[in-house]
PDB file of N, CA and C in Angstrom:
ATOM      1  N   MET A   1       0.792  -1.201   0.000  1.00  0.00           N
ATOM      2  CA  MET A   1       0.000   0.000   0.000  1.00  0.00           C
ATOM      3  C   MET A   1       0.829   1.257   0.000  1.00  0.00           C
ATOM      4  N   PRO A   2       2.074   1.169  -0.293  1.00  0.00           N
ATOM      5  CA  PRO A   2       2.835   2.414  -0.262  1.00  0.00           C
ATOM      6  C   PRO A   2       2.182   3.471  -1.140  1.00  0.00           C
ATOM      7  N   THR A   3       2.123   4.676  -0.613  1.00  0.00           N
ATOM      8  CA  THR A   3       1.606   5.815  -1.355  1.00  0.00           C
ATOM      9  C   THR A   3       2.659   6.908  -1.322  1.00  0.00           C
ATOM     10  N   PHE A   4       3.082   7.337  -2.499  1.00  0.00           N
ATOM     11  CA  PHE A   4       4.073   8.399  -2.615  1.00  0.00           C
ATOM     12  C   PHE A   4       3.349   9.626  -3.154  1.00  0.00           C
ATOM     13  N   ILE A   5       3.386  10.717  -2.398  1.00  0.00           N
ATOM     14  CA  ILE A   5       2.703  11.947  -2.781  1.00  0.00           C
ATOM     15  C   ILE A   5       3.739  13.045  -3.003  1.00  0.00           C
ATOM     16  N   VAL A   6       3.647  13.699  -4.142  1.00  0.00           N
ATOM     17  CA  VAL A   6       4.524  14.828  -4.448  1.00  0.00           C
ATOM     18  C   VAL A   6       3.653  16.012  -4.852  1.00  0.00           C
ATOM     19  N   ASP A   7       3.659  17.041  -4.034  1.00  0.00           N
ATOM     20  CA  ASP A   7       3.017  18.314  -4.360  1.00  0.00           C
ATOM     21  C   ASP A   7       4.131  19.283  -4.735  1.00  0.00           C
ATOM     22  N   THR A   8       3.997  19.926  -5.882  1.00  0.00           N
ATOM     23  CA  THR A   8       5.057  20.818  -6.338  1.00  0.00           C
ATOM     24  C   THR A   8       4.487  22.042  -7.051  1.00  0.00           C
ATOM     25  N   ASN A   9       5.266  23.093  -7.059  1.00  0.00           N
ATOM     26  CA  ASN A   9       4.870  24.291  -7.800  1.00  0.00           C
ATOM     27  C   ASN A   9       5.359  24.252  -9.249  1.00  0.00           C
ATOM     28  N   VAL A  10       6.077  23.212  -9.615  1.00  0.00           N
ATOM     29  CA  VAL A  10       6.590  23.067 -10.977  1.00  0.00           C
ATOM     30  C   VAL A  10       5.468  22.552 -11.887  1.00  0.00           C
ATOM     31  N   LYS A  11       5.281  23.210 -13.008  1.00  0.00           N
ATOM     32  CA  LYS A  11       4.296  22.762 -13.997  1.00  0.00           C
ATOM     33  C   LYS A  11       4.908  21.618 -14.801  1.00  0.00           C
ATOM     34  N   LEU A  12       4.117  20.576 -15.052  1.00  0.00           N
ATOM     35  CA  LEU A  12       4.611  19.394 -15.745  1.00  0.00           C
ATOM     36  C   LEU A  12       3.682  18.985 -16.875  1.00  0.00           C
ATOM     37  N   GLU A  13       4.268  18.455 -17.923  1.00  0.00           N
ATOM     38  CA  GLU A  13       3.509  17.830 -19.008  1.00  0.00           C
ATOM     39  C   GLU A  13       3.167  16.403 -18.577  1.00  0.00           C
ATOM     40  N   ASP A  14       2.185  15.804 -19.240  1.00  0.00           N
ATOM     41  CA  ASP A  14       1.779  14.440 -18.900  1.00  0.00           C
ATOM     42  C   ASP A  14       2.940  13.451 -18.989  1.00  0.00           C
ATOM     43  N   THR A  15       3.805  13.623 -19.989  1.00  0.00           N
ATOM     44  CA  THR A  15       4.938  12.704 -20.136  1.00  0.00           C
ATOM     45  C   THR A  15       5.904  12.823 -18.954  1.00  0.00           C
ATOM     46  N   GLN A  16       6.075  14.026 -18.436  1.00  0.00           N
ATOM     47  CA  GLN A  16       6.943  14.222 -17.268  1.00  0.00           C
ATOM     48  C   GLN A  16       6.316  13.602 -16.022  1.00  0.00           C
ATOM     49  N   ILE A  17       5.000  13.729 -15.896  1.00  0.00           N
ATOM     50  CA  ILE A  17       4.300  13.126 -14.757  1.00  0.00           C
ATOM     51  C   ILE A  17       4.467  11.610 -14.796  1.00  0.00           C
ATOM     52  N   GLN A  18       4.302  11.013 -15.973  1.00  0.00           N
ATOM     53  CA  GLN A  18       4.460   9.566 -16.109  1.00  0.00           C
ATOM     54  C   GLN A  18       5.892   9.139 -15.780  1.00  0.00           C
ATOM     55  N   PHE A  19       6.871   9.891 -16.274  1.00  0.00           N
ATOM     56  CA  PHE A  19       8.274   9.564 -16.014  1.00  0.00           C
ATOM     57  C   PHE A  19       8.582   9.653 -14.522  1.00  0.00           C
ATOM     58  N   LEU A  20       8.118  10.714 -13.865  1.00  0.00           N
ATOM     59  CA  LEU A  20       8.328  10.879 -12.430  1.00  0.00           C
ATOM     60  C   LEU A  20       7.634   9.773 -11.654  1.00  0.00           C
ATOM     61  N   SER A  21       6.423   9.436 -12.045  1.00  0.00           N
ATOM     62  CA  SER A  21       5.676   8.366 -11.385  1.00  0.00           C
ATOM     63  C   SER A  21       6.421   7.036 -11.477  1.00  0.00           C
ATOM     64  N   THR A  22       6.963   6.744 -12.647  1.00  0.00           N
ATOM     65  CA  THR A  22       7.731   5.508 -12.836  1.00  0.00           C
ATOM     66  C   THR A  22       8.974   5.501 -11.954  1.00  0.00           C
ATOM     67  N   LYS A  23       9.684   6.619 -11.904  1.00  0.00           N
ATOM     68  CA  LYS A  23      10.895   6.716 -11.073  1.00  0.00           C
ATOM     69  C   LYS A  23      10.560   6.506  -9.593  1.00  0.00           C
ATOM     70  N   LEU A  24       9.466   7.110  -9.119  1.00  0.00           N
ATOM     71  CA  LEU A  24       9.087   6.981  -7.710  1.00  0.00           C
ATOM     72  C   LEU A  24       8.625   5.565  -7.390  1.00  0.00           C
ATOM     73  N   THR A  25       7.904   4.949  -8.310  1.00  0.00           N
ATOM     74  CA  THR A  25       7.488   3.558  -8.129  1.00  0.00           C
ATOM     75  C   THR A  25       8.714   2.660  -8.020  1.00  0.00           C
ATOM     76  N   ASP A  26       9.666   2.835  -8.920  1.00  0.00           N
ATOM     77  CA  ASP A  26      10.895   2.037  -8.888  1.00  0.00           C
ATOM     78  C   ASP A  26      11.673   2.268  -7.596  1.00  0.00           C
ATOM     79  N   LEU A  27      11.661   3.487  -7.096  1.00  0.00           N
ATOM     80  CA  LEU A  27      12.343   3.809  -5.842  1.00  0.00           C
ATOM     81  C   LEU A  27      11.727   3.040  -4.681  1.00  0.00           C
ATOM     82  N   VAL A  28      10.406   2.999  -4.614  1.00  0.00           N
ATOM     83  CA  VAL A  28       9.722   2.270  -3.537  1.00  0.00           C
ATOM     84  C   VAL A  28      10.011   0.774  -3.637  1.00  0.00           C
ATOM     85  N   ILE A  29       9.994   0.237  -4.849  1.00  0.00           N
ATOM     86  CA  ILE A  29      10.315  -1.182  -5.043  1.00  0.00           C
ATOM     87  C   ILE A  29      11.735  -1.463  -4.567  1.00  0.00           C
ATOM     88  N   GLU A  30      12.672  -0.631  -4.991  1.00  0.00           N
ATOM     89  CA  GLU A  30      14.088  -0.835  -4.670  1.00  0.00           C
ATOM     90  C   GLU A  30      14.375  -0.736  -3.175  1.00  0.00           C
ATOM     91  N   VAL A  31      13.885   0.305  -2.531  1.00  0.00           N
ATOM     92  CA  VAL A  31      14.262   0.549  -1.134  1.00  0.00           C
ATOM     93  C   VAL A  31      13.346  -0.169  -0.147  1.00  0.00           C
ATOM     94  N   LEU A  32      12.044  -0.126  -0.379  1.00  0.00           N
ATOM     95  CA  LEU A  32      11.115  -0.726   0.586  1.00  0.00           C
ATOM     96  C   LEU A  32      10.775  -2.175   0.266  1.00  0.00           C
ATOM     97  N   GLY A  33      11.085  -2.616  -0.958  1.00  0.00           N
ATOM     98  CA  GLY A  33      10.817  -3.994  -1.333  1.00  0.00           C
ATOM     99  C   GLY A  33       9.335  -4.308  -1.476  1.00  0.00           C
ATOM    100  N   LYS A  34       8.543  -3.323  -1.818  1.00  0.00           N
ATOM    101  CA  LYS A  34       7.094  -3.509  -1.941  1.00  0.00           C
ATOM    102  C   LYS A  34       6.733  -3.893  -3.374  1.00  0.00           C
ATOM    103  N   PRO A  35       5.668  -4.711  -3.553  1.00  0.00           N
ATOM    104  CA  PRO A  35       5.268  -5.092  -4.906  1.00  0.00           C
ATOM    105  C   PRO A  35       4.669  -3.920  -5.680  1.00  0.00           C
ATOM    106  N   LYS A  36       4.996  -3.856  -6.950  1.00  0.00           N
ATOM    107  CA  LYS A  36       4.547  -2.765  -7.812  1.00  0.00           C
ATOM    108  C   LYS A  36       3.027  -2.630  -7.823  1.00  0.00           C
ATOM    109  N   SER A  37       2.329  -3.751  -7.758  1.00  0.00           N
ATOM    110  CA  SER A  37       0.866  -3.739  -7.863  1.00  0.00           C
ATOM    111  C   SER A  37       0.186  -3.000  -6.718  1.00  0.00           C
ATOM    112  N   TYR A  38       0.878  -2.772  -5.609  1.00  0.00           N
ATOM    113  CA  TYR A  38       0.297  -2.078  -4.459  1.00  0.00           C
ATOM    114  C   TYR A  38       0.729  -0.613  -4.354  1.00  0.00           C
ATOM    115  N   ILE A  39       1.646  -0.174  -5.193  1.00  0.00           N
ATOM    116  CA  ILE A  39       2.217   1.171  -5.050  1.00  0.00           C
ATOM    117  C   ILE A  39       1.358   2.202  -5.780  1.00  0.00           C
ATOM    118  N   ALA A  40       0.960   3.240  -5.041  1.00  0.00           N
ATOM    119  CA  ALA A  40       0.213   4.359  -5.627  1.00  0.00           C
ATOM    120  C   ALA A  40       1.092   5.605  -5.574  1.00  0.00           C
ATOM    121  N   VAL A  41       1.057   6.383  -6.635  1.00  0.00           N
ATOM    122  CA  VAL A  41       1.814   7.632  -6.702  1.00  0.00           C
ATOM    123  C   VAL A  41       0.846   8.747  -7.081  1.00  0.00           C
ATOM    124  N   LYS A  42       0.886   9.825  -6.315  1.00  0.00           N
ATOM    125  CA  LYS A  42       0.064  11.007  -6.616  1.00  0.00           C
ATOM    126  C   LYS A  42       0.998  12.189  -6.826  1.00  0.00           C
ATOM    127  N   ILE A  43       0.935  12.768  -8.004  1.00  0.00           N
ATOM    128  CA  ILE A  43       1.757  13.933  -8.323  1.00  0.00           C
ATOM    129  C   ILE A  43       0.817  15.098  -8.628  1.00  0.00           C
ATOM    130  N   SER A  44       0.971  16.165  -7.877  1.00  0.00           N
ATOM    131  CA  SER A  44       0.158  17.368  -8.081  1.00  0.00           C
ATOM    132  C   SER A  44       1.082  18.510  -8.489  1.00  0.00           C
ATOM    133  N   PRO A  45       1.187  18.768  -9.802  1.00  0.00           N
ATOM    134  CA  PRO A  45       2.073  19.830 -10.287  1.00  0.00           C
ATOM    135  C   PRO A  45       1.375  21.186 -10.343  1.00  0.00           C
ATOM    136  N   GLY A  46       2.179  22.230 -10.459  1.00  0.00           N
ATOM    137  CA  GLY A  46       1.662  23.569 -10.696  1.00  0.00           C
ATOM    138  C   GLY A  46       0.886  24.173  -9.546  1.00  0.00           C
ATOM    139  N   LEU A  47       1.187  23.756  -8.316  1.00  0.00           N
ATOM    140  CA  LEU A  47       0.473  24.280  -7.150  1.00  0.00           C
ATOM    141  C   LEU A  47       1.086  25.595  -6.679  1.00  0.00           C
ATOM    142  N   ASN A  48       0.330  26.330  -5.906  1.00  0.00           N
ATOM    143  CA  ASN A  48       0.815  27.583  -5.321  1.00  0.00           C
ATOM    144  C   ASN A  48       1.560  27.276  -4.027  1.00  0.00           C
ATOM    145  N   ILE A  49       2.833  26.929  -4.156  1.00  0.00           N
ATOM    146  CA  ILE A  49       3.681  26.612  -3.008  1.00  0.00           C
ATOM    147  C   ILE A  49       4.877  27.556  -3.035  1.00  0.00           C
ATOM    148  N   THR A  50       5.189  28.119  -1.885  1.00  0.00           N
ATOM    149  CA  THR A  50       6.409  28.918  -1.771  1.00  0.00           C
ATOM    150  C   THR A  50       7.334  28.253  -0.772  1.00  0.00           C
ATOM    151  N   TRP A  51       8.596  28.554  -0.901  1.00  0.00           N
ATOM    152  CA  TRP A  51       9.615  28.035   0.021  1.00  0.00           C
ATOM    153  C   TRP A  51      10.540  29.199   0.322  1.00  0.00           C
ATOM    154  N   GLY A  52      10.660  29.535   1.579  1.00  0.00           N
ATOM    155  CA  GLY A  52      11.510  30.658   1.949  1.00  0.00           C
ATOM    156  C   GLY A  52      11.044  31.962   1.325  1.00  0.00           C
ATOM    157  N   GLY A  53       9.747  32.043   1.060  1.00  0.00           N
ATOM    158  CA  GLY A  53       9.181  33.264   0.503  1.00  0.00           C
ATOM    159  C   GLY A  53       9.329  33.423  -0.993  1.00  0.00           C
ATOM    160  N   THR A  54       9.858  32.389  -1.682  1.00  0.00           N
ATOM    161  CA  THR A  54      10.020  32.493  -3.135  1.00  0.00           C
ATOM    162  C   THR A  54       9.205  31.419  -3.843  1.00  0.00           C
ATOM    163  N   ILE A  55       8.962  31.649  -5.116  1.00  0.00           N
ATOM    164  CA  ILE A  55       8.245  30.664  -5.925  1.00  0.00           C
ATOM    165  C   ILE A  55       9.199  29.814  -6.771  1.00  0.00           C
ATOM    166  N   ASP A  56      10.478  29.821  -6.422  1.00  0.00           N
ATOM    167  CA  ASP A  56      11.423  28.940  -7.105  1.00  0.00           C
ATOM    168  C   ASP A  56      10.962  27.493  -6.917  1.00  0.00           C
ATOM    169  N   PRO A  57      11.374  26.582  -7.813  1.00  0.00           N
ATOM    170  CA  PRO A  57      10.910  25.201  -7.733  1.00  0.00           C
ATOM    171  C   PRO A  57      11.100  24.592  -6.338  1.00  0.00           C
ATOM    172  N   CYS A  58      10.024  23.966  -5.852  1.00  0.00           N
ATOM    173  CA  CYS A  58      10.054  23.316  -4.543  1.00  0.00           C
ATOM    174  C   CYS A  58       8.998  22.219  -4.511  1.00  0.00           C
ATOM    175  N   ALA A  59       9.036  21.398  -3.455  1.00  0.00           N
ATOM    176  CA  ALA A  59       8.069  20.302  -3.338  1.00  0.00           C
ATOM    177  C   ALA A  59       7.838  19.941  -1.880  1.00  0.00           C
ATOM    178  N   LEU A  60       6.662  19.385  -1.637  1.00  0.00           N
ATOM    179  CA  LEU A  60       6.293  18.812  -0.345  1.00  0.00           C
ATOM    180  C   LEU A  60       5.888  17.371  -0.626  1.00  0.00           C
ATOM    181  N   CYS A  61       6.571  16.423   0.006  1.00  0.00           N
ATOM    182  CA  CYS A  61       6.377  15.011  -0.312  1.00  0.00           C
ATOM    183  C   CYS A  61       6.009  14.206   0.927  1.00  0.00           C
ATOM    184  N   ASN A  62       5.262  13.128   0.696  1.00  0.00           N
ATOM    185  CA  ASN A  62       4.919  12.177   1.751  1.00  0.00           C
ATOM    186  C   ASN A  62       5.091  10.770   1.214  1.00  0.00           C
ATOM    187  N   LEU A  63       5.676   9.901   2.020  1.00  0.00           N
ATOM    188  CA  LEU A  63       5.735   8.479   1.704  1.00  0.00           C
ATOM    189  C   LEU A  63       5.044   7.741   2.841  1.00  0.00           C
ATOM    190  N   ILE A  64       3.979   7.042   2.498  1.00  0.00           N
ATOM    191  CA  ILE A  64       3.161   6.332   3.472  1.00  0.00           C
ATOM    192  C   ILE A  64       3.298   4.845   3.168  1.00  0.00           C
ATOM    193  N   SER A  65       3.538   4.033   4.201  1.00  0.00           N
ATOM    194  CA  SER A  65       3.736   2.607   3.967  1.00  0.00           C
ATOM    195  C   SER A  65       3.331   1.794   5.188  1.00  0.00           C
ATOM    196  N   LEU A  66       3.018   0.539   4.938  1.00  0.00           N
ATOM    197  CA  LEU A  66       2.842  -0.437   6.012  1.00  0.00           C
ATOM    198  C   LEU A  66       4.206  -1.071   6.245  1.00  0.00           C
ATOM    199  N   GLY A  67       4.916  -0.607   7.243  1.00  0.00           N
ATOM    200  CA  GLY A  67       6.239  -1.136   7.526  1.00  0.00           C
ATOM    201  C   GLY A  67       7.308  -0.577   6.604  1.00  0.00           C
ATOM    202  N   GLN A  68       8.532  -0.922   6.884  1.00  0.00           N
ATOM    203  CA  GLN A  68       9.726  -0.524   6.132  1.00  0.00           C
ATOM    204  C   GLN A  68      10.053   0.960   6.243  1.00  0.00           C
ATOM    205  N   ILE A  69       9.365   1.665   7.144  1.00  0.00           N
ATOM    206  CA  ILE A  69       9.693   3.064   7.400  1.00  0.00           C
ATOM    207  C   ILE A  69      10.632   3.075   8.603  1.00  0.00           C
ATOM    208  N   ASN A  70      11.892   3.348   8.340  1.00  0.00           N
ATOM    209  CA  ASN A  70      12.903   3.371   9.402  1.00  0.00           C
ATOM    210  C   ASN A  70      14.042   4.290   8.953  1.00  0.00           C
ATOM    211  N   LYS A  71      14.944   4.562   9.856  1.00  0.00           N
ATOM    212  CA  LYS A  71      16.004   5.534   9.563  1.00  0.00           C
ATOM    213  C   LYS A  71      16.824   5.147   8.331  1.00  0.00           C
ATOM    214  N   GLU A  72      17.202   3.882   8.234  1.00  0.00           N
ATOM    215  CA  GLU A  72      18.028   3.436   7.109  1.00  0.00           C
ATOM    216  C   GLU A  72      17.300   3.618   5.772  1.00  0.00           C
ATOM    217  N   ASN A  73      16.074   3.118   5.691  1.00  0.00           N
ATOM    218  CA  ASN A  73      15.311   3.240   4.445  1.00  0.00           C
ATOM    219  C   ASN A  73      14.947   4.684   4.140  1.00  0.00           C
ATOM    220  N   ASN A  74      14.581   5.428   5.179  1.00  0.00           N
ATOM    221  CA  ASN A  74      14.214   6.832   4.972  1.00  0.00           C
ATOM    222  C   ASN A  74      15.388   7.629   4.412  1.00  0.00           C
ATOM    223  N   THR A  75      16.577   7.339   4.908  1.00  0.00           N
ATOM    224  CA  THR A  75      17.776   8.020   4.410  1.00  0.00           C
ATOM    225  C   THR A  75      18.011   7.684   2.941  1.00  0.00           C
ATOM    226  N   LYS A  76      17.867   6.406   2.583  1.00  0.00           N
ATOM    227  CA  LYS A  76      18.044   5.993   1.185  1.00  0.00           C
ATOM    228  C   LYS A  76      17.018   6.660   0.279  1.00  0.00           C
ATOM    229  N   VAL A  77      15.761   6.667   0.728  1.00  0.00           N
ATOM    230  CA  VAL A  77      14.708   7.295  -0.074  1.00  0.00           C
ATOM    231  C   VAL A  77      14.994   8.780  -0.251  1.00  0.00           C
ATOM    232  N   SER A  78      15.372   9.446   0.826  1.00  0.00           N
ATOM    233  CA  SER A  78      15.639  10.883   0.764  1.00  0.00           C
ATOM    234  C   SER A  78      16.790  11.190  -0.193  1.00  0.00           C
ATOM    235  N   GLU A  79      17.837  10.381  -0.146  1.00  0.00           N
ATOM    236  CA  GLU A  79      18.979  10.577  -1.047  1.00  0.00           C
ATOM    237  C   GLU A  79      18.576  10.404  -2.507  1.00  0.00           C
ATOM    238  N   LYS A  80      17.853   9.324  -2.792  1.00  0.00           N
ATOM    239  CA  LYS A  80      17.455   9.046  -4.169  1.00  0.00           C
ATOM    240  C   LYS A  80      16.402  10.037  -4.658  1.00  0.00           C
ATOM    241  N   LEU A  81      15.519  10.458  -3.749  1.00  0.00           N
ATOM    242  CA  LEU A  81      14.513  11.445  -4.121  1.00  0.00           C
ATOM    243  C   LEU A  81      15.169  12.763  -4.515  1.00  0.00           C
ATOM    244  N   ALA A  82      16.225  13.140  -3.808  1.00  0.00           N
ATOM    245  CA  ALA A  82      16.947  14.372  -4.150  1.00  0.00           C
ATOM    246  C   ALA A  82      17.442  14.316  -5.593  1.00  0.00           C
ATOM    247  N   GLU A  83      17.967  13.174  -5.999  1.00  0.00           N
ATOM    248  CA  GLU A  83      18.450  13.007  -7.374  1.00  0.00           C
ATOM    249  C   GLU A  83      17.302  13.093  -8.379  1.00  0.00           C
ATOM    250  N   ILE A  84      16.198  12.428  -8.060  1.00  0.00           N
ATOM    251  CA  ILE A  84      15.045  12.396  -8.968  1.00  0.00           C
ATOM    252  C   ILE A  84      14.436  13.781  -9.126  1.00  0.00           C
ATOM    253  N   LEU A  85      14.225  14.475  -8.002  1.00  0.00           N
ATOM    254  CA  LEU A  85      13.612  15.803  -8.069  1.00  0.00           C
ATOM    255  C   LEU A  85      14.505  16.798  -8.804  1.00  0.00           C
ATOM    256  N   LYS A  86      15.806  16.671  -8.651  1.00  0.00           N
ATOM    257  CA  LYS A  86      16.738  17.550  -9.369  1.00  0.00           C
ATOM    258  C   LYS A  86      16.692  17.249 -10.868  1.00  0.00           C
ATOM    259  N   GLU A  87      16.745  15.967 -11.201  1.00  0.00           N
ATOM    260  CA  GLU A  87      16.771  15.543 -12.603  1.00  0.00           C
ATOM    261  C   GLU A  87      15.499  15.945 -13.353  1.00  0.00           C
ATOM    262  N   ILE A  88      14.349  15.699 -12.760  1.00  0.00           N
ATOM    263  CA  ILE A  88      13.091  15.868 -13.486  1.00  0.00           C
ATOM    264  C   ILE A  88      12.460  17.242 -13.267  1.00  0.00           C
ATOM    265  N   LEU A  89      12.536  17.755 -12.031  1.00  0.00           N
ATOM    266  CA  LEU A  89      11.843  19.004 -11.702  1.00  0.00           C
ATOM    267  C   LEU A  89      12.780  20.180 -11.474  1.00  0.00           C
ATOM    268  N   ASP A  90      14.081  19.932 -11.498  1.00  0.00           N
ATOM    269  CA  ASP A  90      15.087  20.961 -11.216  1.00  0.00           C
ATOM    270  C   ASP A  90      14.894  21.571  -9.827  1.00  0.00           C
ATOM    271  N   ILE A  91      14.543  20.707  -8.863  1.00  0.00           N
ATOM    272  CA  ILE A  91      14.369  21.137  -7.472  1.00  0.00           C
ATOM    273  C   ILE A  91      15.632  20.783  -6.696  1.00  0.00           C
ATOM    274  N   GLU A  92      16.214  21.773  -6.061  1.00  0.00           N
ATOM    275  CA  GLU A  92      17.400  21.560  -5.233  1.00  0.00           C
ATOM    276  C   GLU A  92      17.006  20.781  -3.973  1.00  0.00           C
ATOM    277  N   SER A  93      17.961  20.049  -3.411  1.00  0.00           N
ATOM    278  CA  SER A  93      17.665  19.190  -2.257  1.00  0.00           C
ATOM    279  C   SER A  93      17.308  19.967  -0.997  1.00  0.00           C
ATOM    280  N   ASN A  94      17.599  21.262  -0.974  1.00  0.00           N
ATOM    281  CA  ASN A  94      17.224  22.071   0.190  1.00  0.00           C
ATOM    282  C   ASN A  94      15.904  22.816  -0.039  1.00  0.00           C
ATOM    283  N   ARG A  95      15.135  22.364  -1.058  1.00  0.00           N
ATOM    284  CA  ARG A  95      13.845  23.006  -1.343  1.00  0.00           C
ATOM    285  C   ARG A  95      12.710  21.985  -1.404  1.00  0.00           C
ATOM    286  N   TYR A  96      12.850  20.913  -0.644  1.00  0.00           N
ATOM    287  CA  TYR A  96      11.743  19.972  -0.498  1.00  0.00           C
ATOM    288  C   TYR A  96      11.830  19.319   0.872  1.00  0.00           C
ATOM    289  N   TYR A  97      10.671  18.931   1.360  1.00  0.00           N
ATOM    290  CA  TYR A  97      10.581  18.084   2.548  1.00  0.00           C
ATOM    291  C   TYR A  97       9.958  16.773   2.115  1.00  0.00           C
ATOM    292  N   ILE A  98      10.349  15.701   2.797  1.00  0.00           N
ATOM    293  CA  ILE A  98       9.623  14.447   2.670  1.00  0.00           C
ATOM    294  C   ILE A  98       9.289  13.975   4.073  1.00  0.00           C
ATOM    295  N   ASN A  99       8.027  13.663   4.283  1.00  0.00           N
ATOM    296  CA  ASN A  99       7.552  13.121   5.553  1.00  0.00           C
ATOM    297  C   ASN A  99       7.288  11.637   5.360  1.00  0.00           C
ATOM    298  N   PHE A 100       7.708  10.840   6.314  1.00  0.00           N
ATOM    299  CA  PHE A 100       7.532   9.395   6.257  1.00  0.00           C
ATOM    300  C   PHE A 100       6.486   8.974   7.283  1.00  0.00           C
ATOM    301  N   PHE A 101       5.536   8.153   6.849  1.00  0.00           N
ATOM    302  CA  PHE A 101       4.468   7.685   7.730  1.00  0.00           C
ATOM    303  C   PHE A 101       4.406   6.164   7.694  1.00  0.00           C
ATOM    304  N   ASP A 102       4.558   5.541   8.858  1.00  0.00           N
ATOM    305  CA  ASP A 102       4.449   4.090   8.995  1.00  0.00           C
ATOM    306  C   ASP A 102       3.056   3.791   9.535  1.00  0.00           C
ATOM    307  N   MET A 103       2.195   3.286   8.683  1.00  0.00           N
ATOM    308  CA  MET A 103       0.803   3.058   9.049  1.00  0.00           C
ATOM    309  C   MET A 103       0.616   1.707   9.735  1.00  0.00           C
ATOM    310  N   GLU A 104      -0.318   1.669  10.652  1.00  0.00           N
ATOM    311  CA  GLU A 104      -0.740   0.403  11.255  1.00  0.00           C
ATOM    312  C   GLU A 104      -1.702  -0.279  10.280  1.00  0.00           C
ATOM    313  N   ARG A 105      -1.612  -1.590  10.179  1.00  0.00           N
ATOM    314  CA  ARG A 105      -2.415  -2.343   9.210  1.00  0.00           C
ATOM    315  C   ARG A 105      -3.913  -2.082   9.359  1.00  0.00           C
ATOM    316  N   GLU A 106      -4.365  -1.966  10.607  1.00  0.00           N
ATOM    317  CA  GLU A 106      -5.800  -1.773  10.833  1.00  0.00           C
ATOM    318  C   GLU A 106      -6.278  -0.368  10.453  1.00  0.00           C
ATOM    319  N   ASN A 107      -5.356   0.515  10.133  1.00  0.00           N
ATOM    320  CA  ASN A 107      -5.713   1.883   9.756  1.00  0.00           C
ATOM    321  C   ASN A 107      -5.657   2.131   8.250  1.00  0.00           C
ATOM    322  N   VAL A 108      -5.527   1.056   7.479  1.00  0.00           N
ATOM    323  CA  VAL A 108      -5.471   1.187   6.024  1.00  0.00           C
ATOM    324  C   VAL A 108      -6.508   0.254   5.400  1.00  0.00           C
ATOM    325  N   GLY A 109      -7.472   0.849   4.711  1.00  0.00           N
ATOM    326  CA  GLY A 109      -8.500   0.067   4.039  1.00  0.00           C
ATOM    327  C   GLY A 109      -8.134  -0.202   2.593  1.00  0.00           C
ATOM    328  N   TYR A 110      -8.534  -1.386   2.109  1.00  0.00           N
ATOM    329  CA  TYR A 110      -8.279  -1.766   0.721  1.00  0.00           C
ATOM    330  C   TYR A 110      -9.186  -2.935   0.367  1.00  0.00           C
ATOM    331  N   ASN A 111      -9.785  -2.875  -0.783  1.00  0.00           N
ATOM    332  CA  ASN A 111     -10.559  -3.987  -1.315  1.00  0.00           C
ATOM    333  C   ASN A 111     -11.685  -4.418  -0.367  1.00  0.00           C
ATOM    334  N   GLY A 112     -12.318  -3.453   0.274  1.00  0.00           N
ATOM    335  CA  GLY A 112     -13.460  -3.728   1.134  1.00  0.00           C
ATOM    336  C   GLY A 112     -13.132  -4.197   2.531  1.00  0.00           C
ATOM    337  N   THR A 113     -11.858  -4.140   2.910  1.00  0.00           N
ATOM    338  CA  THR A 113     -11.449  -4.574   4.250  1.00  0.00           C
ATOM    339  C   THR A 113     -10.249  -3.740   4.678  1.00  0.00           C
ATOM    340  N   VAL A 114      -9.540  -4.186   5.682  1.00  0.00           N
ATOM    341  CA  VAL A 114      -8.291  -3.548   6.086  1.00  0.00           C
ATOM    342  C   VAL A 114      -7.168  -4.568   5.953  1.00  0.00           C
ATOM    343  N   PHE A 115      -5.949  -4.058   5.950  1.00  0.00           N
ATOM    344  CA  PHE A 115      -4.801  -4.955   5.816  1.00  0.00           C
ATOM    345  C   PHE A 115      -4.575  -5.730   7.095  1.00  0.00           C
TER     346      PHE A 115
END
């Protein structure tokens, strides 16, 4: 059930959204070891977000998962996310936050039940 959310002020074309979504999905598979079929990615481009009072490229990100949220994995995700955001969105690593959420199974619904 990993869910990767990226809110950004950078405007993106559909092809860029697809490319970013693929990169984030691959990142979750690589670091958290989660199956692709359960990974959801939400990218919201072109939002009114400022960072340090400027509208230069920035992002607010969340990674939500059942397990595998820990210091080691979070560090790996943060490092790789910095590369991805720079490559695709031209966002510097000091202009985004990522929040990590480790959900309890009973607090996540799917397919008419909970995990």
